[in-house]
Amino acid sequence: MNVNGYDTPEIRNCFVLLLKENNFDVRYEAITGLAKRLNKSVAQLIIQELSEDKIDDRMIELISYLRDVSLLPVLYQIKDKFGSSKKLNMCIENLEKLKVKIKFTQ
């Protein structure tokens, strides 16, 4: 949703168009907008961004928005490659808790 709480197909389409931007900040905002709307299609884009030699912590936060436990292996790979950080550890912890919750509700 935007600042006013609106979520329309037009807004989502604008975000999709902005995913092709070369400017990282613009692309990040588009990915954020879609992730906050639980659009699982951005998971692959986040994985691509996180596979770079240098990663932005903001991308790690986006995984939390998606609440997708299948992304845990990616987070553990990042931890192995770059070491831990507060944001990374928090994201892993949140998804591990969610994974346990999902397991108990099945």
PDB file of N, CA and C in Angstrom:
ATOM      1  N   MET A   1       0.829  -1.179   0.000  1.00  0.00           N
ATOM      2  CA  MET A   1       0.000   0.000   0.000  1.00  0.00           C
ATOM      3  C   MET A   1       0.875   1.244   0.000  1.00  0.00           C
ATOM      4  N   ASN A   2       0.354   2.280  -0.618  1.00  0.00           N
ATOM      5  CA  ASN A   2       1.125   3.522  -0.601  1.00  0.00           C
ATOM      6  C   ASN A   2       0.842   4.273   0.698  1.00  0.00           C
ATOM      7  N   VAL A   3       1.363   5.450   0.820  1.00  0.00           N
ATOM      8  CA  VAL A   3       1.219   6.240   2.039  1.00  0.00           C
ATOM      9  C   VAL A   3      -0.249   6.414   2.410  1.00  0.00           C
ATOM     10  N   ASN A   4      -1.110   6.524   1.427  1.00  0.00           N
ATOM     11  CA  ASN A   4      -2.536   6.731   1.677  1.00  0.00           C
ATOM     12  C   ASN A   4      -3.292   5.431   1.892  1.00  0.00           C
ATOM     13  N   GLY A   5      -2.607   4.302   1.808  1.00  0.00           N
ATOM     14  CA  GLY A   5      -3.261   3.021   2.031  1.00  0.00           C
ATOM     15  C   GLY A   5      -3.884   2.422   0.791  1.00  0.00           C
ATOM     16  N   TYR A   6      -3.580   2.968  -0.378  1.00  0.00           N
ATOM     17  CA  TYR A   6      -4.161   2.454  -1.607  1.00  0.00           C
ATOM     18  C   TYR A   6      -3.312   1.331  -2.182  1.00  0.00           C
ATOM     19  N   ASP A   7      -3.983   0.380  -2.767  1.00  0.00           N
ATOM     20  CA  ASP A   7      -3.298  -0.699  -3.478  1.00  0.00           C
ATOM     21  C   ASP A   7      -4.169  -1.040  -4.676  1.00  0.00           C
ATOM     22  N   THR A   8      -3.702  -0.658  -5.828  1.00  0.00           N
ATOM     23  CA  THR A   8      -4.475  -0.895  -7.044  1.00  0.00           C
ATOM     24  C   THR A   8      -3.609  -1.636  -8.054  1.00  0.00           C
ATOM     25  N   PRO A   9      -4.237  -2.246  -9.056  1.00  0.00           N
ATOM     26  CA  PRO A   9      -3.455  -2.885 -10.119  1.00  0.00           C
ATOM     27  C   PRO A   9      -2.523  -1.892 -10.818  1.00  0.00           C
ATOM     28  N   GLU A  10      -2.959  -0.649 -10.942  1.00  0.00           N
ATOM     29  CA  GLU A  10      -2.126   0.366 -11.588  1.00  0.00           C
ATOM     30  C   GLU A  10      -0.847   0.625 -10.790  1.00  0.00           C
ATOM     31  N   ILE A  11      -0.988   0.707  -9.471  1.00  0.00           N
ATOM     32  CA  ILE A  11       0.186   0.923  -8.619  1.00  0.00           C
ATOM     33  C   ILE A  11       1.139  -0.259  -8.738  1.00  0.00           C
ATOM     34  N   ARG A  12       0.595  -1.461  -8.689  1.00  0.00           N
ATOM     35  CA  ARG A  12       1.437  -2.659  -8.813  1.00  0.00           C
ATOM     36  C   ARG A  12       2.127  -2.698 -10.177  1.00  0.00           C
ATOM     37  N   ASN A  13       1.411  -2.333 -11.228  1.00  0.00           N
ATOM     38  CA  ASN A  13       2.015  -2.316 -12.568  1.00  0.00           C
ATOM     39  C   ASN A  13       3.149  -1.297 -12.658  1.00  0.00           C
ATOM     40  N   CYS A  14       2.987  -0.161 -12.006  1.00  0.00           N
ATOM     41  CA  CYS A  14       4.073   0.836 -11.978  1.00  0.00           C
ATOM     42  C   CYS A  14       5.305   0.257 -11.299  1.00  0.00           C
ATOM     43  N   PHE A  15       5.095  -0.445 -10.201  1.00  0.00           N
ATOM     44  CA  PHE A  15       6.227  -1.085  -9.522  1.00  0.00           C
ATOM     45  C   PHE A  15       6.915  -2.088 -10.442  1.00  0.00           C
ATOM     46  N   VAL A  16       6.125  -2.874 -11.157  1.00  0.00           N
ATOM     47  CA  VAL A  16       6.699  -3.876 -12.071  1.00  0.00           C
ATOM     48  C   VAL A  16       7.546  -3.192 -13.140  1.00  0.00           C
ATOM     49  N   LEU A  17       7.059  -2.090 -13.685  1.00  0.00           N
ATOM     50  CA  LEU A  17       7.828  -1.361 -14.701  1.00  0.00           C
ATOM     51  C   LEU A  17       9.143  -0.821 -14.138  1.00  0.00           C
ATOM     52  N   LEU A  18       9.122  -0.402 -12.883  1.00  0.00           N
ATOM     53  CA  LEU A  18      10.320   0.166 -12.261  1.00  0.00           C
ATOM     54  C   LEU A  18      11.368  -0.890 -11.901  1.00  0.00           C
ATOM     55  N   LEU A  19      11.001  -2.158 -11.953  1.00  0.00           N
ATOM     56  CA  LEU A  19      11.955  -3.228 -11.646  1.00  0.00           C
ATOM     57  C   LEU A  19      13.102  -3.281 -12.646  1.00  0.00           C
ATOM     58  N   LYS A  20      12.892  -2.708 -13.826  1.00  0.00           N
ATOM     59  CA  LYS A  20      13.912  -2.747 -14.880  1.00  0.00           C
ATOM     60  C   LYS A  20      14.880  -1.565 -14.814  1.00  0.00           C
ATOM     61  N   GLU A  21      14.678  -0.679 -13.858  1.00  0.00           N
ATOM     62  CA  GLU A  21      15.530   0.502 -13.711  1.00  0.00           C
ATOM     63  C   GLU A  21      16.965   0.108 -13.390  1.00  0.00           C
ATOM     64  N   ASN A  22      17.904   0.859 -13.929  1.00  0.00           N
ATOM     65  CA  ASN A  22      19.316   0.638 -13.608  1.00  0.00           C
ATOM     66  C   ASN A  22      19.683   1.206 -12.243  1.00  0.00           C
ATOM     67  N   ASN A  23      18.979   2.235 -11.824  1.00  0.00           N
ATOM     68  CA  ASN A  23      19.249   2.874 -10.543  1.00  0.00           C
ATOM     69  C   ASN A  23      18.802   1.946  -9.412  1.00  0.00           C
ATOM     70  N   PHE A  24      19.750   1.548  -8.551  1.00  0.00           N
ATOM     71  CA  PHE A  24      19.445   0.610  -7.476  1.00  0.00           C
ATOM     72  C   PHE A  24      18.340   1.116  -6.564  1.00  0.00           C
ATOM     73  N   ASP A  25      18.377   2.391  -6.174  1.00  0.00           N
ATOM     74  CA  ASP A  25      17.385   2.917  -5.236  1.00  0.00           C
ATOM     75  C   ASP A  25      15.970   2.860  -5.802  1.00  0.00           C
ATOM     76  N   VAL A  26      15.822   3.142  -7.076  1.00  0.00           N
ATOM     77  CA  VAL A  26      14.506   3.068  -7.721  1.00  0.00           C
ATOM     78  C   VAL A  26      14.039   1.612  -7.755  1.00  0.00           C
ATOM     79  N   ARG A  27      14.936   0.729  -8.157  1.00  0.00           N
ATOM     80  CA  ARG A  27      14.614  -0.702  -8.217  1.00  0.00           C
ATOM     81  C   ARG A  27      14.270  -1.231  -6.817  1.00  0.00           C
ATOM     82  N   TYR A  28      15.016  -0.794  -5.833  1.00  0.00           N
ATOM     83  CA  TYR A  28      14.761  -1.214  -4.454  1.00  0.00           C
ATOM     84  C   TYR A  28      13.361  -0.786  -4.002  1.00  0.00           C
ATOM     85  N   GLU A  29      12.981   0.445  -4.295  1.00  0.00           N
ATOM     86  CA  GLU A  29      11.648   0.932  -3.904  1.00  0.00           C
ATOM     87  C   GLU A  29      10.544   0.128  -4.586  1.00  0.00           C
ATOM     88  N   ALA A  30      10.761  -0.239  -5.846  1.00  0.00           N
ATOM     89  CA  ALA A  30       9.769  -1.048  -6.562  1.00  0.00           C
ATOM     90  C   ALA A  30       9.666  -2.440  -5.937  1.00  0.00           C
ATOM     91  N   ILE A  31      10.802  -3.038  -5.635  1.00  0.00           N
ATOM     92  CA  ILE A  31      10.801  -4.362  -5.002  1.00  0.00           C
ATOM     93  C   ILE A  31      10.138  -4.277  -3.629  1.00  0.00           C
ATOM     94  N   THR A  32      10.425  -3.218  -2.890  1.00  0.00           N
ATOM     95  CA  THR A  32       9.814  -3.021  -1.575  1.00  0.00           C
ATOM     96  C   THR A  32       8.298  -2.925  -1.690  1.00  0.00           C
ATOM     97  N   GLY A  33       7.832  -2.127  -2.636  1.00  0.00           N
ATOM     98  CA  GLY A  33       6.389  -1.969  -2.826  1.00  0.00           C
ATOM     99  C   GLY A  33       5.703  -3.289  -3.110  1.00  0.00           C
ATOM    100  N   LEU A  34       6.321  -4.106  -3.940  1.00  0.00           N
ATOM    101  CA  LEU A  34       5.735  -5.406  -4.268  1.00  0.00           C
ATOM    102  C   LEU A  34       5.867  -6.389  -3.104  1.00  0.00           C
ATOM    103  N   ALA A  35       6.991  -6.358  -2.415  1.00  0.00           N
ATOM    104  CA  ALA A  35       7.186  -7.264  -1.274  1.00  0.00           C
ATOM    105  C   ALA A  35       6.187  -6.961  -0.160  1.00  0.00           C
ATOM    106  N   LYS A  36       5.932  -5.679   0.090  1.00  0.00           N
ATOM    107  CA  LYS A  36       4.966  -5.307   1.128  1.00  0.00           C
ATOM    108  C   LYS A  36       3.556  -5.745   0.765  1.00  0.00           C
ATOM    109  N   ARG A  37       3.335  -5.955  -0.519  1.00  0.00           N
ATOM    110  CA  ARG A  37       2.036  -6.435  -0.984  1.00  0.00           C
ATOM    111  C   ARG A  37       2.037  -7.959  -1.118  1.00  0.00           C
ATOM    112  N   LEU A  38       3.068  -8.580  -0.557  1.00  0.00           N
ATOM    113  CA  LEU A  38       3.228 -10.039  -0.542  1.00  0.00           C
ATOM    114  C   LEU A  38       3.258 -10.643  -1.937  1.00  0.00           C
ATOM    115  N   ASN A  39       3.794  -9.903  -2.883  1.00  0.00           N
ATOM    116  CA  ASN A  39       3.933 -10.387  -4.253  1.00  0.00           C
ATOM    117  C   ASN A  39       5.157 -11.295  -4.316  1.00  0.00           C
ATOM    118  N   LYS A  40       4.910 -12.600  -4.351  1.00  0.00           N
ATOM    119  CA  LYS A  40       5.991 -13.593  -4.301  1.00  0.00           C
ATOM    120  C   LYS A  40       6.889 -13.551  -5.538  1.00  0.00           C
ATOM    121  N   SER A  41       6.453 -12.900  -6.594  1.00  0.00           N
ATOM    122  CA  SER A  41       7.268 -12.853  -7.814  1.00  0.00           C
ATOM    123  C   SER A  41       8.571 -12.081  -7.610  1.00  0.00           C
ATOM    124  N   VAL A  42       8.650 -11.248  -6.587  1.00  0.00           N
ATOM    125  CA  VAL A  42       9.880 -10.492  -6.358  1.00  0.00           C
ATOM    126  C   VAL A  42      10.937 -11.311  -5.623  1.00  0.00           C
ATOM    127  N   ALA A  43      10.575 -12.486  -5.158  1.00  0.00           N
ATOM    128  CA  ALA A  43      11.544 -13.326  -4.439  1.00  0.00           C
ATOM    129  C   ALA A  43      12.774 -13.588  -5.298  1.00  0.00           C
ATOM    130  N   GLN A  44      12.579 -13.911  -6.563  1.00  0.00           N
ATOM    131  CA  GLN A  44      13.717 -14.180  -7.454  1.00  0.00           C
ATOM    132  C   GLN A  44      14.574 -12.937  -7.648  1.00  0.00           C
ATOM    133  N   LEU A  45      13.944 -11.786  -7.744  1.00  0.00           N
ATOM    134  CA  LEU A  45      14.705 -10.533  -7.879  1.00  0.00           C
ATOM    135  C   LEU A  45      15.537 -10.256  -6.632  1.00  0.00           C
ATOM    136  N   ILE A  46      14.958 -10.526  -5.479  1.00  0.00           N
ATOM    137  CA  ILE A  46      15.694 -10.328  -4.229  1.00  0.00           C
ATOM    138  C   ILE A  46      16.884 -11.287  -4.178  1.00  0.00           C
ATOM    139  N   ILE A  47      16.661 -12.532  -4.575  1.00  0.00           N
ATOM    140  CA  ILE A  47      17.751 -13.515  -4.599  1.00  0.00           C
ATOM    141  C   ILE A  47      18.860 -13.048  -5.537  1.00  0.00           C
ATOM    142  N   GLN A  48      18.484 -12.508  -6.702  1.00  0.00           N
ATOM    143  CA  GLN A  48      19.492 -11.986  -7.638  1.00  0.00           C
ATOM    144  C   GLN A  48      20.301 -10.860  -7.003  1.00  0.00           C
ATOM    145  N   GLU A  49      19.603  -9.939  -6.354  1.00  0.00           N
ATOM    146  CA  GLU A  49      20.286  -8.815  -5.707  1.00  0.00           C
ATOM    147  C   GLU A  49      21.216  -9.313  -4.598  1.00  0.00           C
ATOM    148  N   LEU A  50      20.789 -10.360  -3.894  1.00  0.00           N
ATOM    149  CA  LEU A  50      21.586 -10.886  -2.789  1.00  0.00           C
ATOM    150  C   LEU A  50      22.732 -11.779  -3.250  1.00  0.00           C
ATOM    151  N   SER A  51      22.766 -12.111  -4.529  1.00  0.00           N
ATOM    152  CA  SER A  51      23.849 -12.958  -5.036  1.00  0.00           C
ATOM    153  C   SER A  51      25.042 -12.136  -5.530  1.00  0.00           C
ATOM    154  N   GLU A  52      24.926 -10.817  -5.428  1.00  0.00           N
ATOM    155  CA  GLU A  52      26.026  -9.940  -5.837  1.00  0.00           C
ATOM    156  C   GLU A  52      27.200 -10.063  -4.858  1.00  0.00           C
ATOM    157  N   ASP A  53      28.359  -9.568  -5.275  1.00  0.00           N
ATOM    158  CA  ASP A  53      29.532  -9.596  -4.394  1.00  0.00           C
ATOM    159  C   ASP A  53      29.379  -8.661  -3.202  1.00  0.00           C
ATOM    160  N   LYS A  54      28.592  -7.627  -3.386  1.00  0.00           N
ATOM    161  CA  LYS A  54      28.308  -6.685  -2.305  1.00  0.00           C
ATOM    162  C   LYS A  54      26.793  -6.602  -2.187  1.00  0.00           C
ATOM    163  N   ILE A  55      26.276  -6.775  -0.982  1.00  0.00           N
ATOM    164  CA  ILE A  55      24.824  -6.749  -0.822  1.00  0.00           C
ATOM    165  C   ILE A  55      24.410  -5.588   0.073  1.00  0.00           C
ATOM    166  N   ASP A  56      23.188  -5.174  -0.114  1.00  0.00           N
ATOM    167  CA  ASP A  56      22.605  -4.091   0.661  1.00  0.00           C
ATOM    168  C   ASP A  56      21.693  -4.721   1.718  1.00  0.00           C
ATOM    169  N   ASP A  57      21.884  -4.360   2.977  1.00  0.00           N
ATOM    170  CA  ASP A  57      21.074  -4.915   4.070  1.00  0.00           C
ATOM    171  C   ASP A  57      19.577  -4.716   3.858  1.00  0.00           C
ATOM    172  N   ARG A  58      19.230  -3.679   3.117  1.00  0.00           N
ATOM    173  CA  ARG A  58      17.801  -3.421   2.890  1.00  0.00           C
ATOM    174  C   ARG A  58      17.150  -4.574   2.144  1.00  0.00           C
ATOM    175  N   MET A  59      17.912  -5.251   1.290  1.00  0.00           N
ATOM    176  CA  MET A  59      17.363  -6.396   0.560  1.00  0.00           C
ATOM    177  C   MET A  59      17.044  -7.547   1.509  1.00  0.00           C
ATOM    178  N   ILE A  60      17.855  -7.698   2.533  1.00  0.00           N
ATOM    179  CA  ILE A  60      17.604  -8.749   3.522  1.00  0.00           C
ATOM    180  C   ILE A  60      16.285  -8.478   4.231  1.00  0.00           C
ATOM    181  N   GLU A  61      16.039  -7.226   4.562  1.00  0.00           N
ATOM    182  CA  GLU A  61      14.783  -6.863   5.224  1.00  0.00           C
ATOM    183  C   GLU A  61      13.566  -7.228   4.378  1.00  0.00           C
ATOM    184  N   LEU A  62      13.703  -7.123   3.072  1.00  0.00           N
ATOM    185  CA  LEU A  62      12.565  -7.406   2.192  1.00  0.00           C
ATOM    186  C   LEU A  62      12.116  -8.855   2.302  1.00  0.00           C
ATOM    187  N   ILE A  63      13.037  -9.748   2.595  1.00  0.00           N
ATOM    188  CA  ILE A  63      12.659 -11.153   2.764  1.00  0.00           C
ATOM    189  C   ILE A  63      11.690 -11.288   3.934  1.00  0.00           C
ATOM    190  N   SER A  64      11.870 -10.475   4.960  1.00  0.00           N
ATOM    191  CA  SER A  64      10.947 -10.500   6.097  1.00  0.00           C
ATOM    192  C   SER A  64       9.532 -10.120   5.679  1.00  0.00           C
ATOM    193  N   TYR A  65       9.415  -9.145   4.780  1.00  0.00           N
ATOM    194  CA  TYR A  65       8.085  -8.746   4.309  1.00  0.00           C
ATOM    195  C   TYR A  65       7.379  -9.897   3.606  1.00  0.00           C
ATOM    196  N   LEU A  66       8.131 -10.659   2.822  1.00  0.00           N
ATOM    197  CA  LEU A  66       7.528 -11.747   2.054  1.00  0.00           C
ATOM    198  C   LEU A  66       7.074 -12.903   2.935  1.00  0.00           C
ATOM    199  N   ARG A  67       7.722 -13.066   4.086  1.00  0.00           N
ATOM    200  CA  ARG A  67       7.390 -14.159   5.003  1.00  0.00           C
ATOM    201  C   ARG A  67       7.426 -15.508   4.278  1.00  0.00           C
ATOM    202  N   ASP A  68       8.473 -15.711   3.507  1.00  0.00           N
ATOM    203  CA  ASP A  68       8.635 -16.914   2.687  1.00  0.00           C
ATOM    204  C   ASP A  68       9.787 -17.746   3.252  1.00  0.00           C
ATOM    205  N   VAL A  69       9.441 -18.813   3.976  1.00  0.00           N
ATOM    206  CA  VAL A  69      10.469 -19.626   4.634  1.00  0.00           C
ATOM    207  C   VAL A  69      11.354 -20.364   3.639  1.00  0.00           C
ATOM    208  N   SER A  70      10.926 -20.476   2.404  1.00  0.00           N
ATOM    209  CA  SER A  70      11.764 -21.145   1.399  1.00  0.00           C
ATOM    210  C   SER A  70      13.018 -20.324   1.079  1.00  0.00           C
ATOM    211  N   LEU A  71      13.060 -19.080   1.539  1.00  0.00           N
ATOM    212  CA  LEU A  71      14.224 -18.227   1.316  1.00  0.00           C
ATOM    213  C   LEU A  71      15.276 -18.363   2.417  1.00  0.00           C
ATOM    214  N   LEU A  72      15.007 -19.181   3.427  1.00  0.00           N
ATOM    215  CA  LEU A  72      15.978 -19.380   4.501  1.00  0.00           C
ATOM    216  C   LEU A  72      17.340 -19.863   4.003  1.00  0.00           C
ATOM    217  N   PRO A  73      17.407 -20.821   3.072  1.00  0.00           N
ATOM    218  CA  PRO A  73      18.728 -21.250   2.587  1.00  0.00           C
ATOM    219  C   PRO A  73      19.552 -20.104   1.996  1.00  0.00           C
ATOM    220  N   VAL A  74      18.887 -19.180   1.336  1.00  0.00           N
ATOM    221  CA  VAL A  74      19.584 -18.018   0.768  1.00  0.00           C
ATOM    222  C   VAL A  74      20.199 -17.190   1.896  1.00  0.00           C
ATOM    223  N   LEU A  75      19.441 -16.997   2.961  1.00  0.00           N
ATOM    224  CA  LEU A  75      19.943 -16.215   4.092  1.00  0.00           C
ATOM    225  C   LEU A  75      21.136 -16.905   4.756  1.00  0.00           C
ATOM    226  N   TYR A  76      21.059 -18.219   4.880  1.00  0.00           N
ATOM    227  CA  TYR A  76      22.183 -18.948   5.477  1.00  0.00           C
ATOM    228  C   TYR A  76      23.421 -18.887   4.581  1.00  0.00           C
ATOM    229  N   GLN A  77      23.228 -18.895   3.276  1.00  0.00           N
ATOM    230  CA  GLN A  77      24.363 -18.756   2.352  1.00  0.00           C
ATOM    231  C   GLN A  77      25.022 -17.383   2.512  1.00  0.00           C
ATOM    232  N   ILE A  78      24.197 -16.368   2.657  1.00  0.00           N
ATOM    233  CA  ILE A  78      24.721 -15.011   2.860  1.00  0.00           C
ATOM    234  C   ILE A  78      25.507 -14.943   4.167  1.00  0.00           C
ATOM    235  N   LYS A  79      24.957 -15.563   5.199  1.00  0.00           N
ATOM    236  CA  LYS A  79      25.635 -15.570   6.500  1.00  0.00           C
ATOM    237  C   LYS A  79      26.990 -16.269   6.398  1.00  0.00           C
ATOM    238  N   ASP A  80      27.031 -17.384   5.667  1.00  0.00           N
ATOM    239  CA  ASP A  80      28.294 -18.110   5.480  1.00  0.00           C
ATOM    240  C   ASP A  80      29.306 -17.282   4.692  1.00  0.00           C
ATOM    241  N   LYS A  81      28.823 -16.564   3.687  1.00  0.00           N
ATOM    242  CA  LYS A  81      29.712 -15.809   2.801  1.00  0.00           C
ATOM    243  C   LYS A  81      30.208 -14.503   3.424  1.00  0.00           C
ATOM    244  N   PHE A  82      29.288 -13.763   4.069  1.00  0.00           N
ATOM    245  CA  PHE A  82      29.613 -12.425   4.554  1.00  0.00           C
ATOM    246  C   PHE A  82      29.701 -12.313   6.079  1.00  0.00           C
ATOM    247  N   GLY A  83      29.291 -13.348   6.780  1.00  0.00           N
ATOM    248  CA  GLY A  83      29.218 -13.258   8.236  1.00  0.00           C
ATOM    249  C   GLY A  83      27.853 -12.751   8.657  1.00  0.00           C
ATOM    250  N   SER A  84      27.632 -12.700   9.945  1.00  0.00           N
ATOM    251  CA  SER A  84      26.306 -12.303  10.414  1.00  0.00           C
ATOM    252  C   SER A  84      26.228 -10.797  10.633  1.00  0.00           C
ATOM    253  N   SER A  85      25.008 -10.333  10.625  1.00  0.00           N
ATOM    254  CA  SER A  85      24.707  -8.942  10.955  1.00  0.00           C
ATOM    255  C   SER A  85      23.405  -8.954  11.741  1.00  0.00           C
ATOM    256  N   LYS A  86      23.122  -7.870  12.394  1.00  0.00           N
ATOM    257  CA  LYS A  86      21.902  -7.789  13.206  1.00  0.00           C
ATOM    258  C   LYS A  86      20.655  -8.036  12.352  1.00  0.00           C
ATOM    259  N   LYS A  87      20.585  -7.379  11.203  1.00  0.00           N
ATOM    260  CA  LYS A  87      19.412  -7.527  10.332  1.00  0.00           C
ATOM    261  C   LYS A  87      19.289  -8.948   9.799  1.00  0.00           C
ATOM    262  N   LEU A  88      20.413  -9.515   9.392  1.00  0.00           N
ATOM    263  CA  LEU A  88      20.405 -10.873   8.860  1.00  0.00           C
ATOM    264  C   LEU A  88      19.968 -11.860   9.933  1.00  0.00           C
ATOM    265  N   ASN A  89      20.528 -11.750  11.118  1.00  0.00           N
ATOM    266  CA  ASN A  89      20.156 -12.654  12.208  1.00  0.00           C
ATOM    267  C   ASN A  89      18.683 -12.521  12.573  1.00  0.00           C
ATOM    268  N   MET A  90      18.177 -11.285  12.585  1.00  0.00           N
ATOM    269  CA  MET A  90      16.772 -11.062  12.912  1.00  0.00           C
ATOM    270  C   MET A  90      15.866 -11.680  11.850  1.00  0.00           C
ATOM    271  N   CYS A  91      16.224 -11.522  10.602  1.00  0.00           N
ATOM    272  CA  CYS A  91      15.425 -12.078   9.511  1.00  0.00           C
ATOM    273  C   CYS A  91      15.413 -13.606   9.593  1.00  0.00           C
ATOM    274  N   ILE A  92      16.575 -14.200   9.820  1.00  0.00           N
ATOM    275  CA  ILE A  92      16.652 -15.660   9.953  1.00  0.00           C
ATOM    276  C   ILE A  92      15.805 -16.123  11.131  1.00  0.00           C
ATOM    277  N   GLU A  93      15.928 -15.438  12.244  1.00  0.00           N
ATOM    278  CA  GLU A  93      15.165 -15.805  13.442  1.00  0.00           C
ATOM    279  C   GLU A  93      13.662 -15.725  13.186  1.00  0.00           C
ATOM    280  N   ASN A  94      13.216 -14.654  12.549  1.00  0.00           N
ATOM    281  CA  ASN A  94      11.782 -14.493  12.259  1.00  0.00           C
ATOM    282  C   ASN A  94      11.264 -15.587  11.337  1.00  0.00           C
ATOM    283  N   LEU A  95      12.032 -15.917  10.303  1.00  0.00           N
ATOM    284  CA  LEU A  95      11.589 -16.958   9.374  1.00  0.00           C
ATOM    285  C   LEU A  95      11.646 -18.342  10.013  1.00  0.00           C
ATOM    286  N   GLU A  96      12.606 -18.578  10.883  1.00  0.00           N
ATOM    287  CA  GLU A  96      12.665 -19.863  11.597  1.00  0.00           C
ATOM    288  C   GLU A  96      11.447 -20.019  12.505  1.00  0.00           C
ATOM    289  N   LYS A  97      11.054 -18.945  13.182  1.00  0.00           N
ATOM    290  CA  LYS A  97       9.846 -18.974  14.023  1.00  0.00           C
ATOM    291  C   LYS A  97       8.616 -19.237  13.172  1.00  0.00           C
ATOM    292  N   LEU A  98       8.541 -18.585  12.025  1.00  0.00           N
ATOM    293  CA  LEU A  98       7.415 -18.783  11.117  1.00  0.00           C
ATOM    294  C   LEU A  98       7.379 -20.223  10.616  1.00  0.00           C
ATOM    295  N   LYS A  99       8.545 -20.776  10.325  1.00  0.00           N
ATOM    296  CA  LYS A  99       8.641 -22.160   9.852  1.00  0.00           C
ATOM    297  C   LYS A  99       8.085 -23.123  10.900  1.00  0.00           C
ATOM    298  N   VAL A 100       8.418 -22.899  12.155  1.00  0.00           N
ATOM    299  CA  VAL A 100       7.912 -23.739  13.246  1.00  0.00           C
ATOM    300  C   VAL A 100       6.404 -23.587  13.357  1.00  0.00           C
ATOM    301  N   LYS A 101       5.932 -22.349  13.259  1.00  0.00           N
ATOM    302  CA  LYS A 101       4.494 -22.078  13.345  1.00  0.00           C
ATOM    303  C   LYS A 101       3.742 -22.794  12.224  1.00  0.00           C
ATOM    304  N   ILE A 102       4.283 -22.730  11.020  1.00  0.00           N
ATOM    305  CA  ILE A 102       3.657 -23.388   9.865  1.00  0.00           C
ATOM    306  C   ILE A 102       3.630 -24.894  10.075  1.00  0.00           C
ATOM    307  N   LYS A 103       4.714 -25.429  10.587  1.00  0.00           N
ATOM    308  CA  LYS A 103       4.820 -26.873  10.815  1.00  0.00           C
ATOM    309  C   LYS A 103       3.752 -27.347  11.798  1.00  0.00           C
ATOM    310  N   PHE A 104       3.498 -26.552  12.848  1.00  0.00           N
ATOM    311  CA  PHE A 104       2.513 -26.937  13.851  1.00  0.00           C
ATOM    312  C   PHE A 104       1.076 -26.777  13.373  1.00  0.00           C
ATOM    313  N   THR A 105       0.838 -25.952  12.387  1.00  0.00           N
ATOM    314  CA  THR A 105      -0.531 -25.744  11.899  1.00  0.00           C
ATOM    315  C   THR A 105      -0.903 -26.702  10.781  1.00  0.00           C
ATOM    316  N   GLN A 106       0.056 -27.488  10.325  1.00  0.00           N
ATOM    317  CA  GLN A 106      -0.250 -28.425   9.228  1.00  0.00           C
ATOM    318  C   GLN A 106      -0.794 -29.718   9.756  1.00  0.00           C
TER     319      GLN A 106
END
